[in-house]
Amino acid sequence: MTQASWRRLWFWLPAFIALAGALTWLFRPQPVAVDLATVARGRCGSA
């Protein structure tokens, strides 16, 4: 590679790294809210 190619690479490399980091952060798995309830066997009080 020529010197101009290396300079161009070093110029754009931080932007590509920042873009990759931003996309990784934006598309990371999000926690899912879950409701917890007590389950019991037997009659519920209704006939």
C-alpha atoms as a PDB file:
ATOM      1  CA  MET A   1       0.000   0.000   0.000  1.00  0.00           C
ATOM      2  CA  THR A   2       1.159   3.499  -0.701  1.00  0.00           C
ATOM      3  CA  GLN A   3       1.556   6.181   1.931  1.00  0.00           C
ATOM      4  CA  ALA A   4      -1.622   7.917   0.740  1.00  0.00           C
ATOM      5  CA  SER A   5      -3.586   4.689   1.186  1.00  0.00           C
ATOM      6  CA  TRP A   6      -2.297   4.276   4.741  1.00  0.00           C
ATOM      7  CA  ARG A   7      -3.176   7.878   5.595  1.00  0.00           C
ATOM      8  CA  ARG A   8      -6.673   7.393   4.177  1.00  0.00           C
ATOM      9  CA  LEU A   9      -7.051   4.177   6.196  1.00  0.00           C
ATOM     10  CA  TRP A  10      -5.976   5.848   9.448  1.00  0.00           C
ATOM     11  CA  PHE A  11      -8.323   8.756   8.722  1.00  0.00           C
ATOM     12  CA  TRP A  12     -11.435   6.585   8.277  1.00  0.00           C
ATOM     13  CA  LEU A  13     -10.646   3.823  10.780  1.00  0.00           C
ATOM     14  CA  PRO A  14     -11.895   5.708  13.898  1.00  0.00           C
ATOM     15  CA  ALA A  15     -15.162   6.561  12.135  1.00  0.00           C
ATOM     16  CA  PHE A  16     -15.740   2.914  11.187  1.00  0.00           C
ATOM     17  CA  ILE A  17     -14.929   1.766  14.731  1.00  0.00           C
ATOM     18  CA  ALA A  18     -17.337   4.352  16.174  1.00  0.00           C
ATOM     19  CA  LEU A  19     -20.047   3.295  13.728  1.00  0.00           C
ATOM     20  CA  ALA A  20     -19.580  -0.372  14.579  1.00  0.00           C
ATOM     21  CA  GLY A  21     -19.720   0.433  18.303  1.00  0.00           C
ATOM     22  CA  ALA A  22     -22.882   2.519  17.898  1.00  0.00           C
ATOM     23  CA  LEU A  23     -24.620  -0.214  15.899  1.00  0.00           C
ATOM     24  CA  THR A  24     -23.603  -2.829  18.450  1.00  0.00           C
ATOM     25  CA  TRP A  25     -24.988  -0.673  21.273  1.00  0.00           C
ATOM     26  CA  LEU A  26     -28.232   0.109  19.426  1.00  0.00           C
ATOM     27  CA  PHE A  27     -28.993  -3.506  18.509  1.00  0.00           C
ATOM     28  CA  ARG A  28     -27.999  -5.170  21.774  1.00  0.00           C
ATOM     29  CA  PRO A  29     -30.629  -7.491  23.309  1.00  0.00           C
ATOM     30  CA  GLN A  30     -33.039  -5.636  25.545  1.00  0.00           C
ATOM     31  CA  PRO A  31     -34.372  -7.132  28.804  1.00  0.00           C
ATOM     32  CA  VAL A  32     -37.989  -8.240  28.662  1.00  0.00           C
ATOM     33  CA  ALA A  33     -40.327  -7.242  31.477  1.00  0.00           C
ATOM     34  CA  VAL A  34     -42.028 -10.280  33.009  1.00  0.00           C
ATOM     35  CA  ASP A  35     -44.898 -10.303  35.495  1.00  0.00           C
ATOM     36  CA  LEU A  36     -44.639 -12.914  38.218  1.00  0.00           C
ATOM     37  CA  ALA A  37     -47.709 -14.553  39.758  1.00  0.00           C
ATOM     38  CA  THR A  38     -48.294 -17.211  42.387  1.00  0.00           C
ATOM     39  CA  VAL A  39     -49.872 -20.381  41.053  1.00  0.00           C
ATOM     40  CA  ALA A  40     -51.747 -22.683  43.381  1.00  0.00           C
ATOM     41  CA  ARG A  41     -53.719 -25.857  42.815  1.00  0.00           C
ATOM     42  CA  GLY A  42     -57.270 -26.204  43.975  1.00  0.00           C
ATOM     43  CA  ARG A  43     -60.491 -24.284  43.788  1.00  0.00           C
ATOM     44  CA  CYS A  44     -60.392 -20.567  43.165  1.00  0.00           C
ATOM     45  CA  GLY A  45     -63.515 -19.834  45.199  1.00  0.00           C
ATOM     46  CA  SER A  46     -65.996 -19.988  42.330  1.00  0.00           C
ATOM     47  CA  ALA A  47     -68.419 -22.887  42.023  1.00  0.00           C
END
